C-alpha cells in the first residue's frame, strides 16, 4: 500500500470504529479496530463484496465458536479445531479474503466460553469495524479506478517511449535502463490491478451497457499494447546486441521503432480526443510493419549470420505494431459508438488476453 487516500481512510475508519464501540459500551473495542483495518478495500465494489462475505463467514464462525465454547470452554485444542473448520468452510464458499478477520471473531467468541451475550457482543464489534470501513471508503475520497487507470496510462507511456527510443541506439546507460525497465514492469502490474478494479465496478455495480463495455475493450487493449512494448524491450535486451548488427541494421530498426512509438502516441491522443479530425494511419502503418518483416526475411536469406536473433526482436516489434493498429480500430469504433459485426463486444473483451 502506497501513501495515499487509502492510508488516511484506514485511520479514519479505525478511529470511527473505536468511537462507536466506546459509545455503545462494547468491549473490547480493539476487535472493531482490527476489523476496520482488514475491511478497507481498494474499490467500492470490493468493499461491498467484502462486507457481505464477512457478514456471512463471521456469523458462521461465531455460531461454530458459540457451540464449541458451550462444550469445550477455552480449550486450546478445541479453538484450533474450530479455526480449521471455519477455514475449510470459507474456502468452500470461495471467501478466502475473509478468513483472517473471521478467525479473530472465532477466537474472541470462544473466549466467552459459550455465553451467547458475549458472543453477540464480539460479533457486533467485528461488524461495526467492517461497516465503518465500508462507509468511510464510500464517503471519503471514494476510489476511482477508471480515472486512476487513465492517469497511469500517460505516465507509463512516457517511460515506455523513452526506453524504446533509446534502447536500439544504445544511448541510455545500462544501469539506468535496468532501473527504468523494472519501474515500467512494476507500473504495468499496478495498471493491470487498476483495470481489474475498474472492470469489477463497471460490470457488477454499473451494469454492462454497450458504451461501458466498449470502454473496457479499449482500456484492456491499451494495457495489452503497453505489455507488448515491454516485450520489445525484453527482446532487444536479450537478443539485439548479441547479434552484432550493422550500422545499416541499426538505422532500419531504429527508424521503424520511432514510427511505432509515434503511432502509439497518435492513437492515445486520438482516444482522448486531442487530435484534429484526420484520417487514420492504421493501414499505412500496418503495411510498413509487414514490409519491415519482409525486408528482414529477405536480408536473412542473403546474410544469415545473427539474423535469427534479430528476427526475434523484429517479431516482437511487429506484434507491438499489430496491437497498436488493433487499438486504433477499437478507438474509432468507440468514437462512432459501433462494434465490429463479427466480434461482439463481450467476445472481443474476452479475446484480449493479459499476462
Protein backbone atom coordinates (compact mmCIF):
# COMPACT_ATOMS: atom_id res chain seq x y z
CA UNK A 1 0.00 0.00 0.00
CA UNK A 2 1.45 3.39 -1.01
CA UNK A 3 0.86 6.56 0.98
CA UNK A 4 -2.41 7.99 -0.27
CA UNK A 5 -6.15 8.26 0.32
CA UNK A 6 -6.44 4.63 1.43
CA UNK A 7 -3.97 5.24 4.26
CA UNK A 8 -5.97 8.21 5.53
CA UNK A 9 -9.25 6.32 5.20
CA UNK A 10 -7.91 3.38 7.19
CA UNK A 11 -7.00 5.71 10.04
CA UNK A 12 -10.41 7.40 9.94
CA UNK A 13 -12.21 4.03 9.88
CA UNK A 14 -10.23 2.77 12.88
CA UNK A 15 -10.95 5.93 14.88
CA UNK A 16 -14.65 5.80 13.97
CA UNK A 17 -14.90 2.10 14.91
CA UNK A 18 -13.27 2.76 18.30
CA UNK A 19 -15.55 5.74 18.94
CA UNK A 20 -18.77 3.85 18.09
CA UNK A 21 -17.68 0.84 20.16
CA UNK A 22 -16.99 3.07 23.17
CA UNK A 23 -20.29 4.94 22.68
CA UNK A 24 -22.23 1.65 22.60
CA UNK A 25 -20.12 0.37 25.52
CA UNK A 26 -18.99 -2.70 23.60
CA UNK A 27 -15.74 -4.25 24.81
CA UNK A 28 -13.02 -4.81 23.81
CA UNK A 29 -13.12 -2.08 21.10
CA UNK A 30 -9.82 -3.29 19.64
CA UNK A 31 -11.76 -6.02 17.77
CA UNK A 32 -13.70 -3.34 15.88
CA UNK A 33 -10.43 -1.53 15.10
CA UNK A 34 -8.84 -4.72 13.73
CA UNK A 35 -11.96 -5.40 11.64
CA UNK A 36 -11.81 -1.88 10.16
CA UNK A 37 -8.16 -2.38 9.16
CA UNK A 38 -8.90 -5.68 7.42
CA UNK A 39 -12.02 -4.37 5.69
CA UNK A 40 -10.54 -1.33 3.91
CA UNK A 41 -10.61 -2.26 0.21
CA UNK A 42 -9.28 -0.55 -2.96
CA UNK A 43 -12.69 -0.16 -4.63
CA UNK A 44 -16.33 0.42 -3.67
CA UNK A 45 -17.42 -2.87 -5.22
CA UNK A 46 -14.81 -4.83 -3.31
CA UNK A 47 -15.79 -3.03 -0.10
CA UNK A 48 -19.44 -4.04 -0.61
CA UNK A 49 -18.49 -7.59 -1.60
CA UNK A 50 -16.16 -7.85 1.39
CA UNK A 51 -18.88 -6.57 3.72
CA UNK A 52 -21.36 -9.21 2.52
CA UNK A 53 -18.78 -12.02 2.62
CA UNK A 54 -17.60 -11.05 6.09
CA UNK A 55 -21.19 -10.90 7.31
CA UNK A 56 -21.75 -14.49 6.20
CA UNK A 57 -18.47 -16.00 7.38
CA UNK A 58 -18.49 -14.11 10.68
CA UNK A 59 -21.99 -15.36 11.50
CA UNK A 60 -20.97 -18.92 10.59
CA UNK A 61 -17.73 -18.63 12.54
CA UNK A 62 -19.45 -17.13 15.58
CA UNK A 63 -22.11 -19.89 15.54
CA UNK A 64 -19.48 -22.66 15.45
CA UNK A 65 -17.43 -20.91 18.12
CA UNK A 66 -20.51 -20.46 20.35
CA UNK A 67 -21.43 -24.15 20.13
CA UNK A 68 -17.86 -25.27 20.69
CA UNK A 69 -17.48 -22.84 23.59
CA UNK A 70 -20.51 -24.31 25.35
CA UNK A 71 -18.94 -27.78 25.38
CA UNK A 72 -15.20 -27.16 25.42
CA UNK A 73 -14.96 -23.72 27.07
CA UNK A 74 -11.49 -22.22 26.44
CA UNK A 75 -9.79 -25.48 25.46
CA UNK A 76 -6.93 -24.54 23.16
CA UNK A 77 -7.24 -27.71 21.08
CA UNK A 78 -10.95 -27.04 20.52
CA UNK A 79 -10.18 -23.48 19.44
CA UNK A 80 -7.66 -24.79 16.91
CA UNK A 81 -10.12 -27.37 15.53
CA UNK A 82 -12.88 -24.76 15.15
CA UNK A 83 -10.45 -22.47 13.33
CA UNK A 84 -9.62 -25.29 10.91
CA UNK A 85 -13.32 -25.95 10.28
CA UNK A 86 -14.03 -22.25 9.65
CA UNK A 87 -11.07 -22.00 7.24
CA UNK A 88 -12.33 -25.01 5.27
CA UNK A 89 -15.86 -23.56 5.09
CA UNK A 90 -14.54 -20.18 3.96
CA UNK A 91 -12.51 -21.85 1.21
CA UNK A 92 -15.53 -23.88 0.11
CA UNK A 93 -17.60 -20.69 -0.06
CA UNK A 94 -14.77 -19.04 -2.06
CA UNK A 95 -14.38 -16.33 0.55
CA UNK A 96 -10.65 -16.69 1.22
CA UNK A 97 -10.18 -12.98 1.93
CA UNK A 98 -12.49 -13.17 4.95
CA UNK A 99 -10.53 -15.88 6.77
CA UNK A 100 -8.26 -13.61 8.83
CA UNK A 101 -10.99 -11.48 10.36
CA UNK A 102 -13.36 -14.43 10.79
CA UNK A 103 -10.74 -16.25 12.84
CA UNK A 104 -10.41 -13.18 15.06
CA UNK A 105 -14.17 -13.42 15.69
CA UNK A 106 -13.95 -17.17 16.37
CA UNK A 107 -11.19 -16.80 18.96
CA UNK A 108 -12.94 -13.84 20.59
CA UNK A 109 -16.27 -15.71 20.81
CA UNK A 110 -14.71 -18.90 22.20
CA UNK A 111 -13.05 -16.79 24.85
CA UNK A 112 -16.58 -16.08 26.10
CA UNK A 113 -16.95 -19.81 26.96
CA UNK A 114 -20.35 -20.25 25.33
CA UNK A 115 -22.04 -17.16 26.80
CA UNK A 116 -24.25 -16.02 23.94
CA UNK A 117 -24.37 -12.38 25.11
CA UNK A 118 -20.61 -12.15 24.94
CA UNK A 119 -20.62 -13.96 21.59
CA UNK A 120 -23.10 -11.46 20.13
CA UNK A 121 -21.00 -8.63 21.56
CA UNK A 122 -17.85 -9.92 19.81
CA UNK A 123 -19.72 -10.43 16.53
CA UNK A 124 -21.21 -6.94 16.62
CA UNK A 125 -17.77 -5.45 17.28
CA UNK A 126 -16.47 -7.10 14.10
CA UNK A 127 -19.48 -5.87 12.10
CA UNK A 128 -19.03 -2.33 13.45
CA UNK A 129 -15.45 -2.31 12.18
CA UNK A 130 -16.42 -3.69 8.78
CA UNK A 131 -19.32 -1.25 8.47
CA UNK A 132 -17.13 1.74 9.41
CA UNK A 133 -14.57 0.78 6.78
CA UNK A 134 -17.27 0.48 4.12
CA UNK A 135 -18.90 3.83 4.98
CA UNK A 136 -15.58 5.68 5.11
CA UNK A 137 -14.47 4.12 1.83
CA UNK A 138 -17.66 5.29 0.11
CA UNK A 139 -17.91 8.79 1.63
CA UNK A 140 -14.28 9.91 1.89
CA UNK A 141 -12.31 10.09 -1.36
CA UNK A 142 -14.13 7.13 -2.97
CA UNK A 143 -11.84 5.04 -5.18
CA UNK A 144 -11.95 5.96 -8.87
CA UNK A 145 -10.08 3.19 -10.71
CA UNK A 146 -11.14 4.49 -14.13
CA UNK A 147 -9.58 7.93 -13.58
CA UNK A 148 -6.52 6.34 -11.96
CA UNK A 149 -6.12 3.97 -14.92
CA UNK A 150 -6.30 6.86 -17.42
CA UNK A 151 -3.74 8.89 -15.45
CA UNK A 152 -1.34 5.95 -15.18
CA UNK A 153 -1.53 5.20 -18.91
CA UNK A 154 0.04 8.59 -19.67
CA UNK A 155 2.93 8.22 -17.22
CA UNK A 156 3.63 4.63 -18.27
CA UNK A 157 3.68 5.56 -21.94
CA UNK A 158 6.25 8.28 -21.18
CA UNK A 159 8.52 5.68 -19.57
CA UNK A 160 7.95 3.19 -22.38
CA UNK A 161 8.59 5.67 -25.19
CA UNK A 162 11.83 6.87 -23.56
CA UNK A 163 13.17 3.34 -23.28
CA UNK A 164 12.08 2.28 -26.77
CA UNK A 165 13.58 5.38 -28.37
CA UNK A 166 16.98 4.90 -26.73
CA UNK A 167 17.37 1.13 -26.49
CA UNK A 168 18.32 0.44 -30.13
CA UNK A 169 20.61 3.47 -30.40
CA UNK A 170 22.23 2.32 -27.13
CA UNK A 171 22.26 5.89 -25.80
CA UNK A 172 20.89 5.13 -22.36
CA UNK A 173 23.19 3.92 -19.58
CA UNK A 174 22.94 0.23 -18.75
CA UNK A 175 22.15 0.82 -15.05
CA UNK A 176 19.51 3.43 -15.89
CA UNK A 177 17.94 1.11 -18.47
CA UNK A 178 17.66 -1.72 -15.93
CA UNK A 179 16.14 0.53 -13.28
CA UNK A 180 13.66 2.12 -15.67
CA UNK A 181 12.65 -1.24 -17.12
CA UNK A 182 11.94 -2.65 -13.65
CA UNK A 183 9.98 0.50 -12.81
CA UNK A 184 7.98 0.04 -16.02
CA UNK A 185 7.24 -3.60 -15.18
CA UNK A 186 6.07 -2.63 -11.70
CA UNK A 187 3.88 0.16 -13.13
CA UNK A 188 2.28 -2.25 -15.60
CA UNK A 189 1.48 -4.64 -12.76
CA UNK A 190 -0.21 -1.80 -10.89
CA UNK A 191 -2.06 -0.76 -14.06
CA UNK A 192 -3.32 -4.31 -14.52
CA UNK A 193 -4.74 -4.26 -10.99
CA UNK A 194 -6.43 -0.91 -11.68
CA UNK A 195 -8.03 -2.43 -14.77
CA UNK A 196 -9.41 -5.36 -12.77
CA UNK A 197 -10.89 -2.99 -10.21
CA UNK A 198 -12.45 -0.90 -12.97
CA UNK A 199 -13.83 -3.99 -14.71
CA UNK A 200 -15.42 -5.22 -11.47
CA UNK A 201 -17.09 -1.89 -10.76
CA UNK A 202 -18.42 -1.44 -14.28
CA UNK A 203 -19.76 -4.99 -14.60
CA UNK A 204 -21.03 -5.52 -11.06
CA UNK A 205 -22.21 -2.08 -9.96
CA UNK A 206 -22.93 -0.02 -13.06
CA UNK A 207 -24.14 -2.71 -15.44
CA UNK A 208 -22.66 -3.92 -18.72
CA UNK A 209 -24.08 -1.38 -21.15
CA UNK A 210 -22.63 -1.27 -24.66
CA UNK A 211 -20.86 2.04 -24.03
CA UNK A 212 -19.21 0.78 -20.85
CA UNK A 213 -18.19 -2.49 -22.48
CA UNK A 214 -16.63 -0.55 -25.37
CA UNK A 215 -14.60 1.41 -22.83
CA UNK A 216 -13.45 -1.80 -21.16
CA UNK A 217 -12.37 -3.26 -24.51
CA UNK A 218 -10.34 -0.15 -25.33
CA UNK A 219 -8.76 0.02 -21.87
CA UNK A 220 -7.86 -3.65 -21.94
CA UNK A 221 -6.26 -3.24 -25.36
CA UNK A 222 -4.34 -0.20 -24.08
CA UNK A 223 -2.93 -2.36 -21.32
CA UNK A 224 -2.08 -5.14 -23.77
CA UNK A 225 -0.24 -2.71 -26.07
CA UNK A 226 1.85 -1.46 -23.14
CA UNK A 227 2.72 -5.06 -22.27
CA UNK A 228 3.78 -5.68 -25.89
CA UNK A 229 6.04 -2.62 -25.67
CA UNK A 230 7.73 -4.15 -22.62
CA UNK A 231 8.17 -7.40 -24.57
CA UNK A 232 10.01 -5.42 -27.26
CA UNK A 233 12.39 -4.06 -24.62
CA UNK A 234 12.98 -7.56 -23.30
CA UNK A 235 13.68 -8.91 -26.79
CA UNK A 236 16.13 -6.10 -27.60
CA UNK A 237 17.92 -6.54 -24.30
CA UNK A 238 18.17 -10.31 -24.75
CA UNK A 239 18.94 -10.65 -28.46
CA UNK A 240 19.63 -7.47 -30.41
CA UNK A 241 23.18 -6.54 -29.47
CA UNK A 242 24.25 -10.20 -29.23
CA UNK A 243 23.52 -10.41 -32.97
CA UNK A 244 26.22 -7.78 -33.69
CA UNK A 245 24.01 -5.74 -36.07
CA UNK A 246 25.49 -3.49 -38.72
CA UNK A 247 25.08 0.29 -38.76
CA UNK A 248 22.53 -0.11 -41.57
CA UNK A 249 20.52 -2.56 -39.44
CA UNK A 250 20.63 -0.16 -36.50
CA UNK A 251 19.15 2.60 -38.65
CA UNK A 252 16.46 0.28 -40.04
CA UNK A 253 15.32 -0.94 -36.60
CA UNK A 254 15.59 2.49 -35.00
CA UNK A 255 13.52 4.17 -37.74
CA UNK A 256 10.79 1.56 -37.54
CA UNK A 257 10.74 1.75 -33.75
CA UNK A 258 10.28 5.52 -33.97
CA UNK A 259 7.32 5.08 -36.31
CA UNK A 260 5.66 2.61 -33.96
CA UNK A 261 6.12 4.88 -30.94
CA UNK A 262 4.69 7.88 -32.80
CA UNK A 263 1.76 5.77 -33.95
CA UNK A 264 1.15 4.59 -30.38
CA UNK A 265 1.18 8.19 -29.17
CA UNK A 266 -1.13 9.20 -32.02
CA UNK A 267 -3.71 6.57 -31.03
CA UNK A 268 -3.63 7.55 -27.35
CA UNK A 269 -4.17 11.20 -28.25
CA UNK A 270 -6.95 10.23 -30.64
CA UNK A 271 -8.80 8.39 -27.87
CA UNK A 272 -8.52 11.45 -25.61
CA UNK A 273 -9.97 13.50 -28.49
CA UNK A 274 -6.93 15.78 -28.65
CA UNK A 275 -6.26 15.46 -32.39
CA UNK A 276 -7.82 17.10 -35.39
CA UNK A 277 -10.30 15.06 -37.39
CA UNK A 278 -7.83 13.45 -39.80
CA UNK A 279 -7.80 10.08 -41.50
CA UNK A 280 -6.30 7.17 -39.59
CA UNK A 281 -2.76 6.00 -40.29
CA UNK A 282 -3.54 2.40 -39.34
CA UNK A 283 -3.47 0.96 -42.87
CA UNK A 284 -0.24 2.73 -43.72
CA UNK A 285 1.47 1.62 -40.52
CA UNK A 286 0.26 -1.95 -40.91
CA UNK A 287 1.69 -2.03 -44.42
CA UNK A 288 5.02 -0.65 -43.20
CA UNK A 289 5.02 -3.15 -40.36
CA UNK A 290 4.60 -6.04 -42.80
CA UNK A 291 7.22 -4.59 -45.16
CA UNK A 292 9.67 -4.35 -42.27
CA UNK A 293 9.34 -8.11 -41.66
CA UNK A 294 9.56 -8.91 -45.37
CA UNK A 295 12.77 -6.89 -45.75
CA UNK A 296 14.29 -8.58 -42.71
CA UNK A 297 13.48 -12.05 -44.07
CA UNK A 298 14.98 -11.12 -47.44
CA UNK A 299 18.14 -9.94 -45.70
CA UNK A 300 18.23 -13.16 -43.66
CA UNK A 301 18.44 -15.26 -46.85
CA UNK A 302 21.42 -13.18 -48.05
CA UNK A 303 23.22 -12.78 -44.72
CA UNK A 304 22.05 -15.40 -42.19
CA UNK A 305 24.67 -14.59 -39.54
CA UNK A 306 22.97 -13.09 -36.48
CA UNK A 307 19.61 -12.80 -38.21
CA UNK A 308 17.92 -15.41 -36.06
CA UNK A 309 18.30 -13.19 -33.00
CA UNK A 310 17.27 -10.12 -34.98
CA UNK A 311 14.17 -11.91 -36.22
CA UNK A 312 13.06 -12.43 -32.60
CA UNK A 313 13.34 -8.68 -31.98
CA UNK A 314 11.59 -7.91 -35.26
CA UNK A 315 8.74 -10.29 -34.40
CA UNK A 316 8.23 -8.53 -31.04
CA UNK A 317 8.16 -5.15 -32.83
CA UNK A 318 5.73 -6.47 -35.42
CA UNK A 319 3.37 -7.74 -32.71
CA UNK A 320 3.64 -4.39 -30.91
CA UNK A 321 2.68 -2.56 -34.12
CA UNK A 322 -0.13 -5.02 -34.85
CA UNK A 323 -1.67 -4.48 -31.42
CA UNK A 324 -1.40 -0.68 -31.80
CA UNK A 325 -3.28 -0.94 -35.10
CA UNK A 326 -5.96 -3.01 -33.40
CA UNK A 327 -6.21 -0.40 -30.65
CA UNK A 328 -6.62 2.27 -33.33
CA UNK A 329 -9.56 0.42 -34.84
CA UNK A 330 -11.17 -0.06 -31.43
CA UNK A 331 -10.78 3.65 -30.68
CA UNK A 332 -12.51 4.55 -33.94
CA UNK A 333 -15.35 2.12 -33.21
CA UNK A 334 -15.71 3.60 -29.73
CA UNK A 335 -15.85 7.16 -31.06
CA UNK A 336 -18.51 6.15 -33.57
CA UNK A 337 -20.36 4.09 -30.97
CA UNK A 338 -20.09 0.99 -33.14
CA UNK A 339 -18.92 -2.59 -32.76
CA UNK A 340 -17.34 -4.98 -35.22
CA UNK A 341 -20.09 -7.07 -36.75
CA UNK A 342 -18.23 -10.35 -36.40
CA UNK A 343 -16.78 -9.57 -32.99
CA UNK A 344 -19.46 -8.62 -30.43
CA UNK A 345 -18.06 -6.59 -27.56
CA UNK A 346 -18.33 -9.32 -24.94
CA UNK A 347 -16.44 -11.77 -27.19
CA UNK A 348 -13.88 -9.10 -28.06
CA UNK A 349 -13.36 -8.34 -24.39
CA UNK A 350 -12.65 -12.00 -23.61
CA UNK A 351 -10.36 -12.37 -26.62
CA UNK A 352 -7.81 -9.86 -25.33
CA UNK A 353 -5.50 -11.85 -23.09
CA UNK A 354 -3.38 -10.31 -20.34
CA UNK A 355 -0.31 -11.67 -18.62
